[in-house]
Amino acid sequence: MLSCKELVAHSSDYLDAQLRLRERISVRAHLALCWRCRRFLRQMRVTQGVLRRLPEAAIPELEALTARLAELRKQNS
């Protein structure tokens, strides 16, 4: 059976359906017994959902702010 650390290492591939059958079975067996890893995967799914909703196009104001902050940082160094 997978350890929690191994499950975390496989979590992105599991959520993206990139695991082989044997690996998926190992992940599911671990999840059946470990509430902490089930909670972790729920949080990962929520995070993926939020990231999918973010705009893909660059936000001009954000880029201007980033440039200004970089400039201020150079001046203060």
C-alpha atoms as a PDB file:
ATOM      1  CA  MET A   1       0.000   0.000   0.000  1.00  0.00           C
ATOM      2  CA  LEU A   2       1.109   3.562  -0.658  1.00  0.00           C
ATOM      3  CA  SER A   3       2.315   5.817   2.115  1.00  0.00           C
ATOM      4  CA  CYS A   4       0.841   9.289   2.491  1.00  0.00           C
ATOM      5  CA  LYS A   5       4.042  10.750   1.054  1.00  0.00           C
ATOM      6  CA  GLU A   6       3.786   8.510  -2.017  1.00  0.00           C
ATOM      7  CA  LEU A   7       0.142   9.444  -2.479  1.00  0.00           C
ATOM      8  CA  VAL A   8       1.012  13.133  -2.441  1.00  0.00           C
ATOM      9  CA  ALA A   9       3.685  12.472  -5.075  1.00  0.00           C
ATOM     10  CA  HIS A  10       1.081  10.771  -7.305  1.00  0.00           C
ATOM     11  CA  SER A  11      -1.800  13.147  -6.563  1.00  0.00           C
ATOM     12  CA  SER A  12      -1.514  15.424  -9.613  1.00  0.00           C
ATOM     13  CA  ASP A  13      -1.245  12.480 -11.987  1.00  0.00           C
ATOM     14  CA  TYR A  14      -4.187  10.823 -10.247  1.00  0.00           C
ATOM     15  CA  LEU A  15      -6.374  13.911 -10.570  1.00  0.00           C
ATOM     16  CA  ASP A  16      -5.346  14.309 -14.218  1.00  0.00           C
ATOM     17  CA  ALA A  17      -6.096  10.609 -14.911  1.00  0.00           C
ATOM     18  CA  GLN A  18      -2.488   9.964 -15.880  1.00  0.00           C
ATOM     19  CA  LEU A  19      -1.855   6.886 -13.711  1.00  0.00           C
ATOM     20  CA  ARG A  20      -1.759   3.296 -14.889  1.00  0.00           C
ATOM     21  CA  LEU A  21      -4.421   0.933 -13.589  1.00  0.00           C
ATOM     22  CA  ARG A  22      -2.198  -0.575 -10.877  1.00  0.00           C
ATOM     23  CA  GLU A  23      -1.222   2.887  -9.589  1.00  0.00           C
ATOM     24  CA  ARG A  24      -4.868   4.044  -9.567  1.00  0.00           C
ATOM     25  CA  ILE A  25      -5.844   0.982  -7.571  1.00  0.00           C
ATOM     26  CA  SER A  26      -3.053   1.688  -5.059  1.00  0.00           C
ATOM     27  CA  VAL A  27      -4.164   5.297  -4.694  1.00  0.00           C
ATOM     28  CA  ARG A  28      -7.810   4.315  -4.225  1.00  0.00           C
ATOM     29  CA  ALA A  29      -6.902   1.653  -1.657  1.00  0.00           C
ATOM     30  CA  HIS A  30      -4.944   4.229   0.322  1.00  0.00           C
ATOM     31  CA  LEU A  31      -7.770   6.765   0.074  1.00  0.00           C
ATOM     32  CA  ALA A  32     -10.248   4.189   1.382  1.00  0.00           C
ATOM     33  CA  LEU A  33      -8.278   4.077   4.636  1.00  0.00           C
ATOM     34  CA  CYS A  34      -6.801   7.560   5.017  1.00  0.00           C
ATOM     35  CA  TRP A  35      -9.107  10.503   5.705  1.00  0.00           C
ATOM     36  CA  ARG A  36      -6.209  12.973   5.650  1.00  0.00           C
ATOM     37  CA  CYS A  37      -5.297  12.078   2.092  1.00  0.00           C
ATOM     38  CA  ARG A  38      -8.959  12.193   1.046  1.00  0.00           C
ATOM     39  CA  ARG A  39      -9.115  15.713   2.460  1.00  0.00           C
ATOM     40  CA  PHE A  40      -5.843  16.592   0.692  1.00  0.00           C
ATOM     41  CA  LEU A  41      -7.225  15.426  -2.667  1.00  0.00           C
ATOM     42  CA  ARG A  42     -10.467  17.362  -2.134  1.00  0.00           C
ATOM     43  CA  GLN A  43      -8.369  20.475  -1.528  1.00  0.00           C
ATOM     44  CA  MET A  44      -6.326  19.745  -4.653  1.00  0.00           C
ATOM     45  CA  ARG A  45      -9.534  19.461  -6.712  1.00  0.00           C
ATOM     46  CA  VAL A  46     -10.763  22.794  -5.372  1.00  0.00           C
ATOM     47  CA  THR A  47      -7.393  24.389  -6.179  1.00  0.00           C
ATOM     48  CA  GLN A  48      -7.483  23.017  -9.722  1.00  0.00           C
ATOM     49  CA  GLY A  49     -11.005  24.375 -10.169  1.00  0.00           C
ATOM     50  CA  VAL A  50      -9.997  27.833  -9.000  1.00  0.00           C
ATOM     51  CA  LEU A  51      -6.939  27.859 -11.248  1.00  0.00           C
ATOM     52  CA  ARG A  52      -9.035  26.860 -14.258  1.00  0.00           C
ATOM     53  CA  ARG A  53     -11.278  29.880 -13.659  1.00  0.00           C
ATOM     54  CA  LEU A  54      -8.424  32.390 -13.646  1.00  0.00           C
ATOM     55  CA  PRO A  55      -8.089  34.491 -16.782  1.00  0.00           C
ATOM     56  CA  GLU A  56      -5.453  33.242 -19.188  1.00  0.00           C
ATOM     57  CA  ALA A  57      -4.758  36.623 -20.725  1.00  0.00           C
ATOM     58  CA  ALA A  58      -2.246  38.863 -19.023  1.00  0.00           C
ATOM     59  CA  ILE A  59      -3.699  41.653 -16.941  1.00  0.00           C
ATOM     60  CA  PRO A  60      -2.027  44.938 -17.987  1.00  0.00           C
ATOM     61  CA  GLU A  61      -2.384  46.522 -14.550  1.00  0.00           C
ATOM     62  CA  LEU A  62      -0.733  43.528 -12.923  1.00  0.00           C
ATOM     63  CA  GLU A  63       2.197  43.624 -15.320  1.00  0.00           C
ATOM     64  CA  ALA A  64       2.656  47.372 -14.737  1.00  0.00           C
ATOM     65  CA  LEU A  65       2.550  46.825 -10.975  1.00  0.00           C
ATOM     66  CA  THR A  66       5.090  43.998 -11.226  1.00  0.00           C
ATOM     67  CA  ALA A  67       7.441  46.191 -13.254  1.00  0.00           C
ATOM     68  CA  ARG A  68       7.074  49.069 -10.796  1.00  0.00           C
ATOM     69  CA  LEU A  69       7.769  46.814  -7.807  1.00  0.00           C
ATOM     70  CA  ALA A  70      10.851  45.402  -9.528  1.00  0.00           C
ATOM     71  CA  GLU A  71      12.054  48.951 -10.203  1.00  0.00           C
ATOM     72  CA  LEU A  72      11.536  49.966  -6.568  1.00  0.00           C
ATOM     73  CA  ARG A  73      13.336  46.883  -5.384  1.00  0.00           C
ATOM     74  CA  LYS A  74      16.376  47.716  -7.522  1.00  0.00           C
ATOM     75  CA  GLN A  75      16.407  51.264  -6.164  1.00  0.00           C
ATOM     76  CA  ASN A  76      16.321  50.052  -2.565  1.00  0.00           C
ATOM     77  CA  SER A  77      19.016  47.419  -3.008  1.00  0.00           C
END
